Amino acid sequence: MRIAVIGGRYKNLNQLTRIANELGHELEMHEGHVHGQRVLEIQRHVSRADVVVIVTGINSHAAVRIAKDWAKELGRPTLIVKQMGGARFATLIEAIDRRARLGWPWPGADSAERHTKPNSKQRVEELTPRHAERSLRDEFGPQIAWVA
């Protein structure tokens, strides 16, 4: 999976790239500056990504808005986090991987998807996007928001 991180600091790029590669993913990062051709770079990163993570703590308001709008237009799952270091990024990737293995829908999906919930009867239950968001918050922590 290709993950685009919009915002944050380039000094963390090597660490985040190493973590993503170790977990079998690709990382693209944009620091969030929007002068000159940088807006097009944000759009390219979002266009190529399977999941977009927007870091708001170290980012311009314009970059956050551009990334959110472009991701929404392209239908990319988007996470908003205030800050993100190596440990939080690794936890995030593991939570997304668990979610993918379970076949859970991304929040904001037009319709609920079905998955087999592990229990004694192995029944099929329908999940709403709200259930999916709550489960990811339980896995990752309260400082995460999905953009629908």
N, C-alpha and C. Protein backbone atom coordinates (compact mmCIF):
# COMPACT_ATOMS: atom_id res chain seq x y z
N MET A 1 0.85 -1.17 0.00
CA MET A 1 0.00 0.00 0.00
C MET A 1 0.89 1.23 0.00
N ARG A 2 0.49 2.23 -0.74
CA ARG A 2 1.24 3.49 -0.79
C ARG A 2 0.55 4.49 0.14
N ILE A 3 1.33 5.06 1.06
CA ILE A 3 0.82 5.99 2.06
C ILE A 3 1.44 7.36 1.80
N ALA A 4 0.59 8.38 1.69
CA ALA A 4 1.08 9.76 1.54
C ALA A 4 0.93 10.47 2.87
N VAL A 5 2.00 11.06 3.35
CA VAL A 5 1.97 11.85 4.58
C VAL A 5 2.15 13.31 4.15
N ILE A 6 1.15 14.13 4.43
CA ILE A 6 1.21 15.54 4.10
C ILE A 6 1.35 16.30 5.41
N GLY A 7 2.49 16.97 5.57
CA GLY A 7 2.80 17.68 6.80
C GLY A 7 3.87 16.92 7.56
N GLY A 8 4.37 17.53 8.61
CA GLY A 8 5.46 16.91 9.36
C GLY A 8 6.79 17.47 8.93
N ARG A 9 7.85 16.82 9.31
CA ARG A 9 9.20 17.33 9.03
C ARG A 9 9.99 16.32 8.22
N TYR A 10 10.75 16.84 7.27
CA TYR A 10 11.56 15.96 6.44
C TYR A 10 12.63 15.23 7.24
N LYS A 11 12.99 15.77 8.41
CA LYS A 11 14.00 15.07 9.22
C LYS A 11 13.51 13.70 9.67
N ASN A 12 12.19 13.49 9.67
CA ASN A 12 11.61 12.19 10.03
C ASN A 12 11.44 11.28 8.82
N LEU A 13 11.71 11.77 7.63
CA LEU A 13 11.45 11.02 6.42
C LEU A 13 12.16 9.67 6.39
N ASN A 14 13.44 9.63 6.73
CA ASN A 14 14.19 8.37 6.69
C ASN A 14 13.62 7.35 7.66
N GLN A 15 13.28 7.79 8.86
CA GLN A 15 12.73 6.88 9.85
C GLN A 15 11.36 6.35 9.41
N LEU A 16 10.49 7.23 8.93
CA LEU A 16 9.15 6.81 8.51
C LEU A 16 9.22 5.90 7.28
N THR A 17 10.14 6.21 6.36
CA THR A 17 10.31 5.37 5.17
C THR A 17 10.78 3.98 5.56
N ARG A 18 11.73 3.90 6.49
CA ARG A 18 12.22 2.61 6.94
C ARG A 18 11.11 1.79 7.59
N ILE A 19 10.30 2.43 8.43
CA ILE A 19 9.19 1.73 9.08
C ILE A 19 8.20 1.23 8.04
N ALA A 20 7.84 2.08 7.09
CA ALA A 20 6.88 1.68 6.05
C ALA A 20 7.42 0.51 5.24
N ASN A 21 8.68 0.57 4.86
CA ASN A 21 9.29 -0.52 4.07
C ASN A 21 9.34 -1.82 4.86
N GLU A 22 9.67 -1.74 6.15
CA GLU A 22 9.72 -2.95 6.98
C GLU A 22 8.35 -3.61 7.09
N LEU A 23 7.29 -2.81 7.04
CA LEU A 23 5.94 -3.34 7.16
C LEU A 23 5.31 -3.60 5.78
N GLY A 24 6.10 -3.46 4.71
CA GLY A 24 5.64 -3.81 3.37
C GLY A 24 4.86 -2.73 2.65
N HIS A 25 5.12 -1.47 2.97
CA HIS A 25 4.41 -0.36 2.34
C HIS A 25 5.38 0.63 1.75
N GLU A 26 4.86 1.54 0.93
CA GLU A 26 5.64 2.64 0.37
C GLU A 26 5.17 3.94 1.01
N LEU A 27 6.11 4.86 1.19
CA LEU A 27 5.78 6.14 1.81
C LEU A 27 6.17 7.27 0.88
N GLU A 28 5.28 8.25 0.75
CA GLU A 28 5.59 9.52 0.11
C GLU A 28 5.28 10.60 1.11
N MET A 29 6.17 11.59 1.21
CA MET A 29 5.96 12.64 2.21
C MET A 29 6.12 14.01 1.57
N HIS A 30 5.27 14.93 2.01
CA HIS A 30 5.34 16.33 1.59
C HIS A 30 5.28 17.17 2.85
N GLU A 31 6.20 18.11 3.00
CA GLU A 31 6.30 18.87 4.24
C GLU A 31 5.13 19.84 4.44
N GLY A 32 4.41 20.20 3.39
CA GLY A 32 3.24 21.06 3.55
C GLY A 32 3.41 22.49 3.11
N HIS A 33 4.52 22.81 2.47
CA HIS A 33 4.70 24.17 1.94
C HIS A 33 3.93 24.27 0.62
N VAL A 34 3.26 25.40 0.39
CA VAL A 34 2.41 25.51 -0.79
C VAL A 34 2.82 26.62 -1.75
N HIS A 35 4.00 27.17 -1.63
CA HIS A 35 4.40 28.21 -2.57
C HIS A 35 4.88 27.58 -3.90
N GLY A 36 4.69 28.30 -4.97
CA GLY A 36 5.13 27.84 -6.29
C GLY A 36 4.43 26.57 -6.75
N GLN A 37 5.20 25.61 -7.21
CA GLN A 37 4.66 24.36 -7.73
C GLN A 37 4.34 23.34 -6.64
N ARG A 38 4.50 23.71 -5.39
CA ARG A 38 4.31 22.77 -4.29
C ARG A 38 2.87 22.26 -4.17
N VAL A 39 1.90 23.07 -4.61
CA VAL A 39 0.50 22.62 -4.58
C VAL A 39 0.33 21.41 -5.49
N LEU A 40 0.95 21.46 -6.66
CA LEU A 40 0.86 20.33 -7.59
C LEU A 40 1.53 19.09 -7.01
N GLU A 41 2.60 19.28 -6.24
CA GLU A 41 3.26 18.14 -5.60
C GLU A 41 2.33 17.47 -4.59
N ILE A 42 1.61 18.27 -3.81
CA ILE A 42 0.65 17.69 -2.86
C ILE A 42 -0.39 16.89 -3.62
N GLN A 43 -0.92 17.44 -4.68
CA GLN A 43 -1.94 16.74 -5.47
C GLN A 43 -1.39 15.45 -6.07
N ARG A 44 -0.13 15.46 -6.52
CA ARG A 44 0.47 14.23 -7.07
C ARG A 44 0.63 13.16 -5.99
N HIS A 45 1.08 13.57 -4.81
CA HIS A 45 1.23 12.60 -3.72
C HIS A 45 -0.12 11.97 -3.36
N VAL A 46 -1.14 12.80 -3.24
CA VAL A 46 -2.48 12.30 -2.89
C VAL A 46 -3.01 11.39 -4.01
N SER A 47 -2.78 11.77 -5.25
CA SER A 47 -3.28 10.98 -6.39
C SER A 47 -2.67 9.57 -6.42
N ARG A 48 -1.41 9.46 -6.04
CA ARG A 48 -0.73 8.16 -6.10
C ARG A 48 -0.99 7.31 -4.86
N ALA A 49 -1.51 7.89 -3.80
CA ALA A 49 -1.63 7.19 -2.52
C ALA A 49 -2.87 6.33 -2.43
N ASP A 50 -2.76 5.26 -1.63
CA ASP A 50 -3.91 4.45 -1.27
C ASP A 50 -4.57 5.00 -0.01
N VAL A 51 -3.76 5.57 0.89
CA VAL A 51 -4.23 6.19 2.13
C VAL A 51 -3.46 7.50 2.30
N VAL A 52 -4.16 8.56 2.72
CA VAL A 52 -3.53 9.85 2.94
C VAL A 52 -3.57 10.16 4.43
N VAL A 53 -2.42 10.54 4.99
CA VAL A 53 -2.33 10.96 6.39
C VAL A 53 -1.93 12.43 6.39
N ILE A 54 -2.76 13.27 7.01
CA ILE A 54 -2.48 14.70 7.07
C ILE A 54 -2.11 15.05 8.50
N VAL A 55 -0.90 15.57 8.67
CA VAL A 55 -0.41 15.99 9.99
C VAL A 55 -0.70 17.48 10.13
N THR A 56 -1.50 17.85 11.12
CA THR A 56 -1.92 19.24 11.26
C THR A 56 -1.01 20.08 12.15
N GLY A 57 -0.27 19.44 13.05
CA GLY A 57 0.57 20.19 13.98
C GLY A 57 1.66 20.98 13.29
N ILE A 58 2.28 20.39 12.28
CA ILE A 58 3.33 21.06 11.53
C ILE A 58 2.91 21.04 10.07
N ASN A 59 2.06 22.01 9.72
CA ASN A 59 1.54 22.06 8.36
C ASN A 59 0.85 23.41 8.19
N SER A 60 0.79 23.88 6.97
CA SER A 60 0.05 25.12 6.73
C SER A 60 -1.43 24.81 6.58
N HIS A 61 -2.27 25.78 6.90
CA HIS A 61 -3.71 25.60 6.74
C HIS A 61 -4.05 25.32 5.28
N ALA A 62 -3.36 26.01 4.39
CA ALA A 62 -3.63 25.83 2.96
C ALA A 62 -3.30 24.41 2.52
N ALA A 63 -2.19 23.87 2.99
CA ALA A 63 -1.81 22.50 2.61
C ALA A 63 -2.80 21.48 3.14
N VAL A 64 -3.29 21.69 4.36
CA VAL A 64 -4.30 20.78 4.92
C VAL A 64 -5.55 20.82 4.05
N ARG A 65 -6.01 22.01 3.71
CA ARG A 65 -7.22 22.16 2.90
C ARG A 65 -7.03 21.53 1.51
N ILE A 66 -5.90 21.78 0.88
CA ILE A 66 -5.63 21.23 -0.46
C ILE A 66 -5.62 19.70 -0.40
N ALA A 67 -4.91 19.14 0.58
CA ALA A 67 -4.82 17.68 0.68
C ALA A 67 -6.20 17.07 0.97
N LYS A 68 -6.96 17.66 1.90
CA LYS A 68 -8.29 17.13 2.22
C LYS A 68 -9.22 17.19 1.02
N ASP A 69 -9.24 18.33 0.35
CA ASP A 69 -10.14 18.49 -0.80
C ASP A 69 -9.78 17.54 -1.93
N TRP A 70 -8.48 17.42 -2.21
CA TRP A 70 -8.05 16.56 -3.32
C TRP A 70 -8.31 15.10 -2.99
N ALA A 71 -8.06 14.69 -1.75
CA ALA A 71 -8.32 13.31 -1.34
C ALA A 71 -9.80 13.00 -1.42
N LYS A 72 -10.64 13.95 -1.00
CA LYS A 72 -12.08 13.74 -1.05
C LYS A 72 -12.55 13.62 -2.50
N GLU A 73 -12.01 14.46 -3.38
CA GLU A 73 -12.38 14.40 -4.79
C GLU A 73 -12.01 13.07 -5.42
N LEU A 74 -10.86 12.51 -5.00
CA LEU A 74 -10.39 11.24 -5.56
C LEU A 74 -10.91 10.02 -4.78
N GLY A 75 -11.57 10.25 -3.67
CA GLY A 75 -12.11 9.15 -2.87
C GLY A 75 -11.05 8.39 -2.09
N ARG A 76 -9.98 9.06 -1.69
CA ARG A 76 -8.92 8.41 -0.92
C ARG A 76 -9.26 8.43 0.57
N PRO A 77 -9.09 7.31 1.27
CA PRO A 77 -9.25 7.32 2.73
C PRO A 77 -8.22 8.28 3.33
N THR A 78 -8.68 9.15 4.22
CA THR A 78 -7.82 10.20 4.74
C THR A 78 -7.89 10.22 6.26
N LEU A 79 -6.72 10.26 6.88
CA LEU A 79 -6.61 10.36 8.33
C LEU A 79 -6.03 11.71 8.68
N ILE A 80 -6.57 12.33 9.73
CA ILE A 80 -6.06 13.59 10.24
C ILE A 80 -5.46 13.31 11.61
N VAL A 81 -4.18 13.65 11.78
CA VAL A 81 -3.52 13.49 13.08
C VAL A 81 -2.83 14.80 13.43
N LYS A 82 -2.74 15.10 14.71
CA LYS A 82 -2.10 16.35 15.13
C LYS A 82 -0.59 16.27 14.99
N GLN A 83 -0.03 15.16 15.39
CA GLN A 83 1.42 14.97 15.26
C GLN A 83 1.69 13.50 15.03
N MET A 84 2.87 13.22 14.46
CA MET A 84 3.16 11.82 14.18
C MET A 84 4.67 11.61 14.13
N GLY A 85 5.13 10.73 15.00
CA GLY A 85 6.51 10.30 14.99
C GLY A 85 6.58 8.86 14.52
N GLY A 86 7.72 8.25 14.69
CA GLY A 86 7.92 6.88 14.24
C GLY A 86 7.02 5.86 14.90
N ALA A 87 6.89 5.94 16.23
CA ALA A 87 6.07 4.97 16.95
C ALA A 87 4.60 5.08 16.56
N ARG A 88 4.11 6.29 16.46
CA ARG A 88 2.71 6.49 16.08
C ARG A 88 2.47 6.02 14.64
N PHE A 89 3.43 6.29 13.76
CA PHE A 89 3.28 5.86 12.37
C PHE A 89 3.24 4.33 12.27
N ALA A 90 4.11 3.65 13.01
CA ALA A 90 4.10 2.19 13.01
C ALA A 90 2.78 1.65 13.53
N THR A 91 2.27 2.23 14.60
CA THR A 91 0.98 1.81 15.15
C THR A 91 -0.14 2.04 14.14
N LEU A 92 -0.09 3.16 13.46
CA LEU A 92 -1.09 3.47 12.45
C LEU A 92 -1.09 2.44 11.32
N ILE A 93 0.09 2.11 10.82
CA ILE A 93 0.18 1.13 9.73
C ILE A 93 -0.33 -0.24 10.19
N GLU A 94 0.03 -0.65 11.40
CA GLU A 94 -0.44 -1.93 11.91
C GLU A 94 -1.95 -1.95 12.05
N ALA A 95 -2.55 -0.84 12.51
CA ALA A 95 -4.01 -0.77 12.64
C ALA A 95 -4.68 -0.83 11.27
N ILE A 96 -4.12 -0.16 10.29
CA ILE A 96 -4.68 -0.19 8.93
C ILE A 96 -4.55 -1.60 8.35
N ASP A 97 -3.44 -2.26 8.60
CA ASP A 97 -3.26 -3.64 8.12
C ASP A 97 -4.27 -4.59 8.76
N ARG A 98 -4.48 -4.45 10.08
CA ARG A 98 -5.47 -5.29 10.75
C ARG A 98 -6.85 -5.07 10.16
N ARG A 99 -7.18 -3.83 9.92
CA ARG A 99 -8.47 -3.46 9.35
C ARG A 99 -8.63 -4.07 7.96
N ALA A 100 -7.57 -4.04 7.16
CA ALA A 100 -7.63 -4.61 5.80
C ALA A 100 -7.79 -6.13 5.86
N ARG A 101 -7.09 -6.79 6.79
CA ARG A 101 -7.21 -8.25 6.92
C ARG A 101 -8.63 -8.66 7.30
N LEU A 102 -9.29 -7.84 8.12
CA LEU A 102 -10.66 -8.13 8.54
C LEU A 102 -11.68 -7.76 7.47
N GLY A 103 -11.27 -7.00 6.47
CA GLY A 103 -12.18 -6.59 5.42
C GLY A 103 -13.14 -5.51 5.88
N TRP A 104 -12.75 -4.74 6.87
CA TRP A 104 -13.64 -3.70 7.39
C TRP A 104 -13.68 -2.53 6.43
N PRO A 105 -14.82 -1.86 6.33
CA PRO A 105 -14.94 -0.72 5.41
C PRO A 105 -14.20 0.50 5.93
N TRP A 106 -13.80 1.36 5.02
CA TRP A 106 -13.23 2.65 5.40
C TRP A 106 -14.36 3.56 5.81
N PRO A 107 -14.17 4.36 6.84
CA PRO A 107 -15.20 5.33 7.20
C PRO A 107 -15.50 6.24 6.02
N GLY A 108 -16.77 6.62 5.90
CA GLY A 108 -17.16 7.47 4.80
C GLY A 108 -17.56 6.70 3.56
N ALA A 109 -17.51 5.37 3.63
CA ALA A 109 -17.93 4.57 2.48
C ALA A 109 -19.42 4.80 2.24
N ASP A 110 -19.82 4.74 0.98
CA ASP A 110 -21.22 5.01 0.65
C ASP A 110 -22.16 3.98 1.26
N SER A 111 -21.72 2.73 1.31
CA SER A 111 -22.58 1.71 1.90
C SER A 111 -21.73 0.83 2.80
N ALA A 112 -22.37 0.23 3.78
CA ALA A 112 -21.64 -0.65 4.70
C ALA A 112 -21.24 -1.92 3.96
N GLU A 113 -20.07 -2.43 4.29
CA GLU A 113 -19.59 -3.67 3.71
C GLU A 113 -19.78 -4.78 4.74
N ARG A 114 -19.67 -6.01 4.27
CA ARG A 114 -19.84 -7.14 5.17
C ARG A 114 -18.49 -7.79 5.46
N HIS A 115 -18.37 -8.32 6.64
CA HIS A 115 -17.20 -9.12 6.98
C HIS A 115 -17.62 -10.18 7.98
N THR A 116 -16.79 -11.18 8.13
CA THR A 116 -17.08 -12.23 9.09
C THR A 116 -16.48 -11.83 10.43
N LYS A 117 -17.32 -11.67 11.40
CA LYS A 117 -16.85 -11.30 12.73
C LYS A 117 -16.48 -12.58 13.47
N PRO A 118 -15.25 -12.66 14.02
CA PRO A 118 -14.85 -13.89 14.70
C PRO A 118 -15.63 -14.09 16.00
N ASN A 119 -16.51 -15.05 16.00
CA ASN A 119 -17.20 -15.46 17.21
C ASN A 119 -17.55 -16.94 17.07
N SER A 120 -18.25 -17.48 18.03
CA SER A 120 -18.51 -18.92 18.02
C SER A 120 -19.36 -19.36 16.82
N LYS A 121 -20.25 -18.51 16.35
CA LYS A 121 -21.12 -18.89 15.24
C LYS A 121 -20.58 -18.45 13.88
N GLN A 122 -19.51 -17.63 13.87
CA GLN A 122 -18.94 -17.11 12.63
C GLN A 122 -20.02 -16.51 11.74
N ARG A 123 -20.88 -15.71 12.34
CA ARG A 123 -21.96 -15.10 11.57
C ARG A 123 -21.45 -13.87 10.81
N VAL A 124 -22.17 -13.48 9.81
CA VAL A 124 -21.81 -12.31 9.04
C VAL A 124 -22.62 -11.14 9.56
N GLU A 125 -21.93 -10.06 9.91
CA GLU A 125 -22.61 -8.88 10.42
C GLU A 125 -22.33 -7.70 9.51
N GLU A 126 -23.26 -6.81 9.46
CA GLU A 126 -23.08 -5.61 8.66
C GLU A 126 -22.51 -4.51 9.54
N LEU A 127 -21.47 -3.87 9.06
CA LEU A 127 -20.86 -2.78 9.80
C LEU A 127 -21.16 -1.46 9.12
N THR A 128 -21.41 -0.46 9.90
CA THR A 128 -21.58 0.87 9.35
C THR A 128 -20.23 1.58 9.38
N PRO A 129 -20.05 2.63 8.59
CA PRO A 129 -18.80 3.39 8.68
C PRO A 129 -18.50 3.89 10.08
N ARG A 130 -19.54 4.20 10.86
CA ARG A 130 -19.33 4.68 12.22
C ARG A 130 -18.67 3.60 13.08
N HIS A 131 -19.11 2.32 12.94
CA HIS A 131 -18.48 1.22 13.67
C HIS A 131 -17.02 1.09 13.28
N ALA A 132 -16.75 1.22 11.99
CA ALA A 132 -15.38 1.07 11.51
C ALA A 132 -14.48 2.16 12.07
N GLU A 133 -14.98 3.40 12.12
CA GLU A 133 -14.18 4.49 12.67
C GLU A 133 -13.92 4.27 14.15
N ARG A 134 -14.95 3.86 14.89
CA ARG A 134 -14.79 3.63 16.32
C ARG A 134 -13.77 2.52 16.58
N SER A 135 -13.78 1.47 15.75
CA SER A 135 -12.83 0.38 15.96
C SER A 135 -11.40 0.82 15.70
N LEU A 136 -11.19 1.69 14.71
CA LEU A 136 -9.83 2.16 14.46
C LEU A 136 -9.37 3.09 15.58
N ARG A 137 -10.29 3.89 16.11
CA ARG A 137 -9.92 4.73 17.26
C ARG A 137 -9.53 3.87 18.45
N ASP A 138 -10.24 2.76 18.65
CA ASP A 138 -9.90 1.85 19.74
C ASP A 138 -8.51 1.27 19.53
N GLU A 139 -8.16 0.97 18.28
CA GLU A 139 -6.86 0.38 18.00
C GLU A 139 -5.74 1.42 18.04
N PHE A 140 -6.00 2.62 17.52
CA PHE A 140 -4.93 3.60 17.32
C PHE A 140 -4.88 4.66 18.41
N GLY A 141 -6.01 5.02 18.98
CA GLY A 141 -6.03 6.03 20.00
C GLY A 141 -6.98 7.16 19.65
N PRO A 142 -7.26 8.03 20.60
CA PRO A 142 -8.28 9.06 20.40
C PRO A 142 -7.86 10.21 19.49
N GLN A 143 -6.55 10.37 19.23
CA GLN A 143 -6.11 11.52 18.44
C GLN A 143 -6.05 11.19 16.96
N ILE A 144 -7.16 10.71 16.44
CA ILE A 144 -7.22 10.37 15.02
C ILE A 144 -8.61 10.73 14.51
N ALA A 145 -8.69 11.20 13.30
CA ALA A 145 -9.98 11.54 12.72
C ALA A 145 -9.99 11.12 11.26
N TRP A 146 -11.06 10.52 10.84
CA TRP A 146 -11.25 10.17 9.43
C TRP A 146 -11.96 11.31 8.75
N VAL A 147 -11.61 11.58 7.53
CA VAL A 147 -12.32 12.56 6.73
C VAL A 147 -13.22 11.79 5.79
N ALA A 148 -14.51 12.07 5.86
CA ALA A 148 -15.47 11.38 5.01
C ALA A 148 -15.76 12.18 3.76
